[in-house]
Amino acid sequence: MSQRMKRRLIVVTGTIVVVLVVVLAVVSAATASKTVSVAQALEAQMQGTKIQVTGKVVDNSYSISADVLNFAIYDPDGDPKSQLKVSYDGGVAATFGNQVTAICTGTVDANGVLQCIELVTKCPSKYENATDALSVSQLLGYGSAIEGKPMKVMGSVKSGSLKPAGQGNRLVLVDATGAASGEIAVLYDGAIPDAISDESMLVITGTLTATGKIEATDIALSK
């Protein structure tokens, strides 16, 4: 290859690289989201702007209709009365619930609702000692005798039973001993630690309801 051809090739290659850099910069600028607080997201000038906002899920603010999750978030370090409504039509993690930290990315519409295209939930893991906790079989054996009384029960998450809040039973707890009849449904609307998944060993604090389910007040991983 002649020197002239080499120089021409270098110039063409350099031009292509420059064009690619410019295109990537434009695309990145168009797709980048601005990180704002809940209070800032509520300001009128944010409408139509792609933003990312982090907040705590307002208790019992969520509902699911036609596979669309609607809920509200607030800034725990700000005014709790300042709440941003969020609408999300993607898959919802089983950890979703009251007071979970939600990182929402999307665009605020004319009605002040964040149309979320990406939702990440976070809830730190917590652990509870299983000492004095009943097994699922023991709990079922007591039956109505302990109905409505505070208690702790230990067991593992039945595979495929873990669901987000607002969809009926939150999970089904099965006996750690593997007893065939040892399983019980758990009701809970709070945030569930991220580390909990199928077959996780849990310690659940709550009461037994008249319908034979556990009304949980706390869910933790077993130490």
Protein backbone atom coordinates (compact mmCIF):
# COMPACT_ATOMS: atom_id res chain seq x y z
CA MET A 1 0.00 0.00 0.00
CA SER A 2 1.34 3.41 -0.98
CA GLN A 3 2.01 6.13 1.58
CA ARG A 4 -0.74 8.19 0.00
CA MET A 5 -3.27 5.39 0.49
CA LYS A 6 -2.14 4.88 4.08
CA ARG A 7 -2.62 8.57 4.87
CA ARG A 8 -6.06 8.52 3.28
CA LEU A 9 -7.02 5.43 5.30
CA ILE A 10 -5.86 7.11 8.52
CA VAL A 11 -7.92 10.23 7.74
CA VAL A 12 -11.05 8.19 6.93
CA THR A 13 -10.65 6.05 10.07
CA GLY A 14 -10.16 9.15 12.20
CA THR A 15 -13.27 10.76 10.72
CA ILE A 16 -15.34 7.65 11.48
CA VAL A 17 -14.10 7.58 15.09
CA VAL A 18 -14.98 11.27 15.56
CA VAL A 19 -18.46 10.73 14.13
CA LEU A 20 -19.05 7.73 16.41
CA VAL A 21 -17.94 9.71 19.47
CA VAL A 22 -20.32 12.54 18.58
CA VAL A 23 -23.23 10.14 17.98
CA LEU A 24 -22.63 8.35 21.29
CA ALA A 25 -22.46 11.66 23.11
CA VAL A 26 -25.78 12.78 21.59
CA VAL A 27 -27.46 9.46 22.39
CA SER A 28 -26.14 9.49 25.96
CA ALA A 29 -27.38 13.03 26.48
CA ALA A 30 -30.81 12.11 25.14
CA THR A 31 -31.17 9.00 27.30
CA ALA A 32 -29.53 10.26 30.51
CA SER A 33 -31.78 10.91 33.47
CA LYS A 34 -31.44 13.75 35.95
CA THR A 35 -31.26 12.71 39.60
CA VAL A 36 -33.70 14.75 41.70
CA SER A 37 -35.42 14.65 45.09
CA VAL A 38 -39.14 13.96 45.53
CA ALA A 39 -39.74 17.67 46.18
CA GLN A 40 -37.91 18.63 42.98
CA ALA A 41 -39.83 16.03 40.98
CA LEU A 42 -43.08 17.68 42.05
CA GLU A 43 -42.06 21.03 40.54
CA ALA A 44 -43.86 22.01 37.33
CA GLN A 45 -40.66 22.51 35.34
CA MET A 46 -39.83 18.81 35.71
CA GLN A 47 -42.74 17.76 33.52
CA GLY A 48 -41.48 16.07 30.37
CA THR A 49 -37.95 15.66 31.76
CA LYS A 50 -36.44 12.23 32.26
CA ILE A 51 -35.53 11.94 35.93
CA GLN A 52 -34.45 9.44 38.55
CA VAL A 53 -35.93 9.88 42.02
CA THR A 54 -35.52 7.80 45.17
CA GLY A 55 -38.07 7.61 47.98
CA LYS A 56 -39.89 5.37 50.43
CA VAL A 57 -43.16 3.73 49.37
CA VAL A 58 -46.08 5.36 51.18
CA ASP A 59 -47.98 2.85 53.33
CA ASN A 60 -50.86 1.20 51.46
CA SER A 61 -50.54 3.62 48.53
CA TYR A 62 -50.10 0.88 45.95
CA SER A 63 -52.60 -0.82 43.68
CA ILE A 64 -52.31 -3.02 40.61
CA SER A 65 -54.70 -2.65 37.70
CA ALA A 66 -54.26 -4.28 34.29
CA ASP A 67 -50.68 -5.20 35.28
CA VAL A 68 -49.86 -1.55 36.04
CA LEU A 69 -48.50 -0.80 39.51
CA ASN A 70 -49.51 2.57 40.96
CA PHE A 71 -48.01 3.85 44.19
CA ALA A 72 -46.58 6.95 45.87
CA ILE A 73 -43.18 7.73 47.33
CA TYR A 74 -41.90 10.30 49.80
CA ASP A 75 -38.49 11.57 50.90
CA PRO A 76 -37.77 10.26 54.44
CA ASP A 77 -35.41 13.22 54.95
CA GLY A 78 -37.95 15.76 53.67
CA ASP A 79 -41.60 16.61 54.14
CA PRO A 80 -43.53 13.31 54.41
CA LYS A 81 -46.61 15.10 53.06
CA SER A 82 -44.81 15.75 49.76
CA GLN A 83 -45.62 12.60 47.82
CA LEU A 84 -44.92 11.75 44.20
CA LYS A 85 -47.33 9.42 42.40
CA VAL A 86 -45.69 6.73 40.30
CA SER A 87 -47.08 4.46 37.59
CA TYR A 88 -45.09 1.42 36.47
CA ASP A 89 -46.06 -1.33 34.03
CA GLY A 90 -43.00 -3.55 34.38
CA GLY A 91 -42.42 -6.60 36.54
CA VAL A 92 -42.61 -5.98 40.29
CA ALA A 93 -40.09 -7.54 42.68
CA ALA A 94 -41.42 -9.65 45.54
CA THR A 95 -39.60 -7.30 47.93
CA PHE A 96 -41.98 -4.45 47.03
CA GLY A 97 -44.13 -3.24 49.92
CA ASN A 98 -44.73 -0.52 52.49
CA GLN A 99 -41.65 1.58 53.30
CA VAL A 100 -39.40 -0.15 50.77
CA THR A 101 -36.86 2.15 49.11
CA ALA A 102 -37.87 2.62 45.47
CA ILE A 103 -35.52 4.04 42.83
CA CYS A 104 -37.75 5.23 39.99
CA THR A 105 -36.63 6.39 36.54
CA GLY A 106 -39.05 7.93 34.07
CA THR A 107 -40.82 11.09 32.94
CA VAL A 108 -43.34 13.20 34.84
CA ASP A 109 -46.54 13.64 32.81
CA ALA A 110 -48.94 16.61 32.70
CA ASN A 111 -50.84 15.21 35.70
CA GLY A 112 -47.71 15.15 37.84
CA VAL A 113 -47.42 11.35 37.75
CA LEU A 114 -44.02 9.80 37.16
CA GLN A 115 -44.42 7.38 34.28
CA CYS A 116 -41.75 4.96 35.43
CA ILE A 117 -39.80 2.85 32.94
CA GLU A 118 -37.32 1.39 35.41
CA LEU A 119 -37.99 0.45 39.05
CA VAL A 120 -35.41 -0.83 41.51
CA THR A 121 -36.36 -1.67 45.09
CA LYS A 122 -34.03 -1.97 48.04
CA CYS A 123 -34.55 -3.33 51.52
CA PRO A 124 -31.53 -4.25 53.66
CA SER A 125 -31.39 -7.76 55.08
CA LYS A 126 -32.24 -8.29 58.74
CA TYR A 127 -31.81 -11.36 60.87
CA GLU A 128 -33.69 -12.83 63.81
CA ASN A 129 -32.67 -15.54 66.25
CA ALA A 130 -34.90 -18.60 65.90
CA THR A 131 -34.71 -19.37 69.63
CA ASP A 132 -38.21 -19.96 71.06
CA ALA A 133 -39.71 -19.90 67.56
CA LEU A 134 -42.34 -22.52 66.76
CA SER A 135 -42.00 -24.77 63.77
CA VAL A 136 -44.82 -24.62 61.23
CA SER A 137 -46.03 -28.06 62.34
CA GLN A 138 -46.07 -26.98 66.00
CA LEU A 139 -48.04 -23.85 65.13
CA LEU A 140 -50.60 -25.84 63.17
CA GLY A 141 -50.82 -28.34 66.02
CA TYR A 142 -51.89 -25.64 68.47
CA GLY A 143 -54.64 -24.52 66.08
CA SER A 144 -57.14 -21.99 67.42
CA ALA A 145 -55.66 -22.25 70.93
CA ILE A 146 -53.10 -19.56 70.02
CA GLU A 147 -55.29 -17.59 67.64
CA GLY A 148 -54.62 -13.84 68.00
CA LYS A 149 -51.67 -14.33 70.35
CA PRO A 150 -48.20 -12.91 69.48
CA MET A 151 -45.74 -15.62 68.47
CA LYS A 152 -42.68 -16.41 66.36
CA VAL A 153 -42.56 -19.18 63.79
CA MET A 154 -39.64 -20.53 61.78
CA GLY A 155 -39.75 -22.16 58.37
CA SER A 156 -38.66 -21.82 54.77
CA VAL A 157 -40.25 -20.05 51.81
CA LYS A 158 -42.20 -22.46 49.62
CA SER A 159 -40.82 -22.29 46.08
CA GLY A 160 -42.91 -20.06 43.80
CA SER A 161 -45.02 -18.62 46.62
CA LEU A 162 -43.22 -15.30 47.18
CA LYS A 163 -45.21 -12.29 45.87
CA PRO A 164 -45.16 -8.47 46.09
CA ALA A 165 -47.44 -6.74 48.58
CA GLY A 166 -51.06 -6.21 47.54
CA GLN A 167 -51.51 -9.59 45.85
CA GLY A 168 -53.06 -11.66 48.64
CA ASN A 169 -50.76 -14.07 50.47
CA ARG A 170 -47.22 -12.68 50.59
CA LEU A 171 -45.65 -16.11 50.81
CA VAL A 172 -46.23 -19.63 52.05
CA LEU A 173 -44.06 -20.87 54.91
CA VAL A 174 -43.25 -24.57 54.97
CA ASP A 175 -41.96 -26.69 57.82
CA ALA A 176 -38.17 -26.87 57.94
CA THR A 177 -38.45 -30.56 58.86
CA GLY A 178 -40.15 -31.28 55.54
CA ALA A 179 -43.46 -32.37 57.06
CA ALA A 180 -45.91 -32.87 54.19
CA SER A 181 -48.76 -31.03 55.91
CA GLY A 182 -46.57 -28.36 57.46
CA GLU A 183 -47.28 -25.19 55.48
CA ILE A 184 -49.12 -21.97 56.20
CA ALA A 185 -49.88 -18.79 54.25
CA VAL A 186 -48.42 -15.47 55.45
CA LEU A 187 -50.04 -12.04 55.11
CA TYR A 188 -47.67 -9.05 55.11
CA ASP A 189 -47.63 -5.66 53.39
CA GLY A 190 -44.23 -4.41 54.57
CA ALA A 191 -40.88 -4.41 52.81
CA ILE A 192 -39.14 -7.78 52.56
CA PRO A 193 -35.32 -7.98 52.71
CA ASP A 194 -33.69 -8.31 49.28
CA ALA A 195 -31.90 -11.54 50.21
CA ILE A 196 -35.14 -13.47 50.76
CA SER A 197 -35.98 -15.92 47.97
CA ASP A 198 -37.37 -19.42 47.47
CA GLU A 199 -36.34 -21.78 50.30
CA SER A 200 -34.89 -18.99 52.47
CA MET A 201 -35.11 -19.82 56.18
CA LEU A 202 -37.23 -17.18 57.92
CA VAL A 203 -38.32 -16.17 61.39
CA ILE A 204 -41.75 -14.53 61.26
CA THR A 205 -43.31 -12.56 64.09
CA GLY A 206 -47.09 -12.13 64.10
CA THR A 207 -50.39 -13.70 65.06
CA LEU A 208 -52.54 -16.56 63.80
CA THR A 209 -55.78 -15.34 62.20
CA ALA A 210 -59.20 -16.96 62.35
CA THR A 211 -58.70 -18.03 58.73
CA GLY A 212 -55.61 -20.04 59.63
CA LYS A 213 -53.03 -17.64 58.22
CA ILE A 214 -50.18 -15.74 59.84
CA GLU A 215 -50.73 -11.97 60.05
CA ALA A 216 -47.05 -10.98 60.12
CA THR A 217 -45.69 -7.87 61.81
CA ASP A 218 -42.07 -8.63 60.91
CA ILE A 219 -40.20 -10.94 58.54
CA ALA A 220 -36.48 -11.66 58.96
CA LEU A 221 -33.91 -14.16 57.82
CA SER A 222 -33.07 -16.82 60.42
CA LYS A 223 -29.63 -16.45 62.04
